[in-house]
Amino acid sequence: MQEQTPYILIGGERMLATLCDRFYELMDTVPQFATIRALHPADLQSSRDKLFMFLSGWLGGPDLYVQNVGHPMLRRRHMPFAIGEDERDQWVACMFLAMEAVGIEAALREQLLNAFFNTADFMRNQPA
């Protein structure tokens, strides 16, 4: 019997791809996310691909990021960007809206939201 990882529960590769697409669509179009949008390159495809690969392994699916890029080293990779509470909160809000938009079940969405918040908070490198 296959373990019911978050990756499986959200719908696997196809739903994860849809989630990543929606996340970057929101970031690119919703004025509320302008601060985090400005931290990204004009073309979001590379960012989208990296998020997809990272989340695949992070959610219990194939460890694509490690296979293709190496260890995530999240804090180290995010150090060049000023990330404070506002950036953290924008990222989490954008992900919440993306999860809601693609139809991730409410209980799982809340569980993931907590994990996303903790990870995003760990990325902060600016004083509160």
Protein backbone atom coordinates (compact mmCIF):
# COMPACT_ATOMS: atom_id res chain seq x y z
CA MET A 1 0.00 0.00 0.00
CA GLN A 2 1.37 3.40 -1.01
CA GLU A 3 1.96 5.97 1.75
CA GLN A 4 -0.48 8.87 1.57
CA THR A 5 2.05 11.69 1.37
CA PRO A 6 0.91 15.28 0.81
CA TYR A 7 2.20 14.85 -2.76
CA ILE A 8 -0.26 11.99 -3.34
CA LEU A 9 -3.06 13.72 -1.42
CA ILE A 10 -2.91 16.88 -3.53
CA GLY A 11 -3.03 14.85 -6.75
CA GLY A 12 0.60 14.20 -7.64
CA GLU A 13 2.60 15.72 -10.46
CA ARG A 14 -0.27 17.17 -12.47
CA MET A 15 -1.85 19.01 -9.52
CA LEU A 16 1.54 20.19 -8.26
CA ALA A 17 2.29 21.65 -11.70
CA THR A 18 -1.10 23.38 -11.69
CA LEU A 19 -0.44 24.73 -8.19
CA CYS A 20 2.95 26.15 -9.21
CA ASP A 21 1.47 27.69 -12.35
CA ARG A 22 -1.31 29.35 -10.35
CA PHE A 23 1.09 30.55 -7.65
CA TYR A 24 3.22 32.43 -10.19
CA GLU A 25 0.17 33.70 -12.10
CA LEU A 26 -1.08 35.26 -8.87
CA MET A 27 2.33 36.63 -7.99
CA ASP A 28 2.61 38.18 -11.43
CA THR A 29 -0.85 39.77 -11.52
CA VAL A 30 -2.06 40.59 -8.00
CA PRO A 31 -0.82 44.00 -6.77
CA GLN A 32 -0.76 42.70 -3.19
CA PHE A 33 2.22 40.52 -4.19
CA ALA A 34 4.27 43.24 -5.91
CA THR A 35 7.03 43.14 -3.30
CA ILE A 36 7.78 39.45 -3.77
CA ARG A 37 7.26 39.72 -7.54
CA ALA A 38 10.04 42.31 -7.63
CA LEU A 39 12.44 39.75 -6.10
CA HIS A 40 12.02 37.49 -9.14
CA PRO A 41 13.32 37.73 -12.70
CA ALA A 42 11.08 39.12 -15.44
CA ASP A 43 10.58 35.60 -16.83
CA LEU A 44 9.14 33.46 -14.05
CA GLN A 45 9.58 30.08 -15.78
CA SER A 46 12.85 29.18 -14.06
CA SER A 47 11.44 30.15 -10.66
CA ARG A 48 8.31 28.12 -11.37
CA ASP A 49 10.36 25.09 -12.42
CA LYS A 50 12.52 25.27 -9.30
CA LEU A 51 9.49 25.59 -7.02
CA PHE A 52 7.88 22.61 -8.75
CA MET A 53 11.00 20.47 -8.35
CA PHE A 54 11.48 21.53 -4.72
CA LEU A 55 7.85 21.01 -3.71
CA SER A 56 7.79 17.60 -5.36
CA GLY A 57 10.35 16.27 -2.90
CA TRP A 58 9.22 18.44 0.02
CA LEU A 59 5.70 17.03 -0.26
CA GLY A 60 6.91 13.43 -0.41
CA GLY A 61 7.05 12.88 -4.16
CA PRO A 62 10.08 12.46 -6.41
CA ASP A 63 13.08 14.43 -5.11
CA LEU A 64 13.48 16.32 -8.39
CA TYR A 65 15.29 19.33 -6.99
CA VAL A 66 18.07 17.26 -5.45
CA GLN A 67 18.34 15.17 -8.63
CA ASN A 68 18.57 18.20 -10.93
CA VAL A 69 20.06 21.03 -8.87
CA GLY A 70 21.50 19.56 -5.68
CA HIS A 71 20.69 20.12 -2.03
CA PRO A 72 18.09 22.90 -1.68
CA MET A 73 20.06 24.90 0.92
CA LEU A 74 16.99 27.12 1.16
CA ARG A 75 18.32 29.83 3.48
CA ARG A 76 21.60 30.07 1.63
CA ARG A 77 19.92 30.31 -1.79
CA HIS A 78 17.59 33.03 -0.51
CA MET A 79 20.25 35.12 1.29
CA PRO A 80 20.81 37.51 -1.66
CA PHE A 81 17.19 38.66 -1.30
CA ALA A 82 15.86 40.86 1.49
CA ILE A 83 13.18 38.71 3.09
CA GLY A 84 11.32 40.10 6.06
CA GLU A 85 7.91 39.55 7.57
CA ASP A 86 6.13 41.34 4.69
CA GLU A 87 7.81 39.14 2.06
CA ARG A 88 7.11 36.02 4.11
CA ASP A 89 3.47 36.97 4.53
CA GLN A 90 3.04 37.80 0.84
CA TRP A 91 4.56 34.48 -0.20
CA VAL A 92 2.34 32.53 2.19
CA ALA A 93 -0.79 34.47 1.15
CA CYS A 94 0.00 33.86 -2.50
CA MET A 95 0.44 30.14 -1.85
CA PHE A 96 -2.78 30.00 0.17
CA LEU A 97 -4.73 31.58 -2.69
CA ALA A 98 -3.08 29.24 -5.19
CA MET A 99 -3.97 26.17 -3.09
CA GLU A 100 -7.53 27.41 -2.74
CA ALA A 101 -7.79 28.15 -6.48
CA VAL A 102 -6.69 24.67 -7.54
CA GLY A 103 -9.04 22.99 -5.07
CA ILE A 104 -6.75 21.47 -2.47
CA GLU A 105 -9.01 20.10 0.26
CA ALA A 106 -9.45 22.48 3.21
CA ALA A 107 -7.92 20.31 5.95
CA LEU A 108 -4.86 19.51 3.84
CA ARG A 109 -4.61 23.16 2.78
CA GLU A 110 -4.47 24.23 6.45
CA GLN A 111 -1.83 21.60 7.22
CA LEU A 112 0.28 22.72 4.26
CA LEU A 113 -0.25 26.39 5.09
CA ASN A 114 1.29 25.83 8.51
CA ALA A 115 4.29 24.04 6.97
CA PHE A 116 4.65 26.74 4.28
CA PHE A 117 4.55 29.47 6.93
CA ASN A 118 7.26 27.79 9.00
CA THR A 119 9.48 27.32 5.94
CA ALA A 120 8.89 30.89 4.71
CA ASP A 121 9.60 32.21 8.21
CA PHE A 122 12.90 30.31 8.19
CA MET A 123 13.85 32.22 5.01
CA ARG A 124 13.63 35.60 6.76
CA ASN A 125 16.95 37.42 6.83
CA GLN A 126 15.72 40.88 7.80
CA PRO A 127 14.99 42.02 11.36
CA ALA A 128 11.36 42.02 12.47
